[in-house]
Amino acid sequence: MDTQRRKERVAVLSVVSNTTLVAMKLVVGLMIGSVSIISEAIHSGVDLLAAIIALFSVKTSSIPADSEHPFGHGKIETPAPSKPCLSLWQQSGSSSRQ
């Protein structure tokens, strides 16, 4: 199996597993009324967002060069991890103001 296909499979597995984790934590948290488990579900939701961004960047990086991107799209994998960091930073700022 080629490297690109393995990257995509890992990214899809990450999205699926994080989606399952968020759903399970949310259901259990709501069933037993635990704010801490619901909070963990929200935290896992941020991890899910990061997994979705990673999947997008892995798929986009395999697009061949075109007239607008003569060197290809492979460099999208470099800035992609900064998006979840910015999201976490924004969330920490909003929760500290409460």
Protein backbone atom coordinates (compact mmCIF):
# COMPACT_ATOMS: atom_id res chain seq x y z
CA MET A 1 0.00 0.00 0.00
CA ASP A 2 1.39 3.41 -0.91
CA THR A 3 2.16 6.10 1.64
CA GLN A 4 -0.67 8.46 0.61
CA ARG A 5 -3.28 5.71 0.96
CA ARG A 6 -1.96 4.78 4.42
CA LYS A 7 -2.10 8.42 5.52
CA GLU A 8 -5.70 8.71 4.37
CA ARG A 9 -6.71 5.48 6.14
CA VAL A 10 -5.18 6.67 9.41
CA ALA A 11 -6.88 10.06 9.11
CA VAL A 12 -10.27 8.45 8.41
CA LEU A 13 -9.79 6.08 11.36
CA SER A 14 -9.03 9.09 13.56
CA VAL A 15 -12.23 10.88 12.47
CA VAL A 16 -14.36 7.76 12.99
CA SER A 17 -12.89 6.95 16.41
CA ASN A 18 -13.18 10.55 17.62
CA THR A 19 -16.78 10.77 16.40
CA THR A 20 -17.62 7.59 18.30
CA LEU A 21 -15.88 8.88 21.41
CA VAL A 22 -17.74 12.21 21.33
CA ALA A 23 -21.10 10.50 20.83
CA MET A 24 -20.52 7.98 23.62
CA LYS A 25 -19.32 10.60 26.11
CA LEU A 26 -22.23 12.90 25.28
CA VAL A 27 -24.84 10.15 25.61
CA VAL A 28 -23.42 8.87 28.91
CA GLY A 29 -23.00 12.39 30.26
CA LEU A 30 -26.60 13.28 29.45
CA MET A 31 -27.94 9.98 30.77
CA ILE A 32 -26.32 10.31 34.18
CA GLY A 33 -26.36 14.11 34.29
CA SER A 34 -22.61 14.50 34.65
CA VAL A 35 -21.34 17.91 33.65
CA SER A 36 -17.74 16.67 33.73
CA ILE A 37 -18.43 13.91 31.19
CA ILE A 38 -20.31 16.36 28.97
CA SER A 39 -17.31 18.67 29.28
CA GLU A 40 -15.06 15.80 28.20
CA ALA A 41 -17.35 15.25 25.19
CA ILE A 42 -16.86 18.89 24.21
CA HIS A 43 -13.11 18.53 24.65
CA SER A 44 -13.16 15.41 22.47
CA GLY A 45 -15.15 17.46 19.94
CA VAL A 46 -12.13 19.75 19.59
CA ASP A 47 -10.00 16.65 18.97
CA LEU A 48 -12.55 15.62 16.33
CA LEU A 49 -12.18 19.01 14.68
CA ALA A 50 -8.41 18.51 14.59
CA ALA A 51 -8.89 15.05 13.03
CA ILE A 52 -11.19 16.49 10.35
CA ILE A 53 -8.64 19.20 9.53
CA ALA A 54 -5.92 16.54 9.32
CA LEU A 55 -8.06 14.42 6.97
CA PHE A 56 -8.71 17.45 4.76
CA SER A 57 -5.03 18.36 4.65
CA VAL A 58 -3.95 14.79 3.85
CA LYS A 59 -6.46 14.55 1.00
CA THR A 60 -5.60 18.02 -0.33
CA SER A 61 -1.85 17.39 -0.20
CA SER A 62 -2.21 14.59 -2.76
CA ILE A 63 -3.69 16.89 -5.43
CA PRO A 64 -1.13 17.25 -8.24
CA ALA A 65 0.38 20.55 -9.35
CA ASP A 66 -1.75 22.92 -11.41
CA SER A 67 -1.38 26.42 -12.87
CA GLU A 68 -2.11 28.13 -9.54
CA HIS A 69 0.06 25.74 -7.50
CA PRO A 70 3.04 24.84 -9.69
CA PHE A 71 4.77 22.94 -6.87
CA GLY A 72 1.65 20.97 -5.88
CA HIS A 73 -0.46 21.07 -2.75
CA GLY A 74 1.82 19.11 -0.42
CA LYS A 75 2.69 22.10 1.75
CA ILE A 76 -0.87 22.31 3.12
CA GLU A 77 0.15 19.76 5.75
CA THR A 78 2.48 22.33 7.34
CA PRO A 79 -0.05 25.04 8.41
CA ALA A 80 -2.94 22.63 9.06
CA PRO A 81 -1.98 21.80 12.69
CA SER A 82 -2.15 25.48 13.65
CA LYS A 83 -5.94 25.56 13.19
CA PRO A 84 -6.77 23.32 16.20
CA CYS A 85 -4.25 25.27 18.28
CA LEU A 86 -5.99 28.52 17.44
CA SER A 87 -9.34 26.95 18.29
CA LEU A 88 -8.09 25.79 21.70
CA TRP A 89 -6.57 29.21 22.36
CA GLN A 90 -9.87 30.89 21.50
CA GLN A 91 -11.83 28.53 23.75
CA SER A 92 -9.49 29.07 26.67
CA GLY A 93 -9.92 32.82 26.34
CA SER A 94 -13.71 32.61 26.26
CA SER A 95 -13.90 30.29 29.29
CA SER A 96 -11.59 32.50 31.38
CA ARG A 97 -13.91 35.49 30.95
CA GLN A 98 -16.87 33.73 32.56
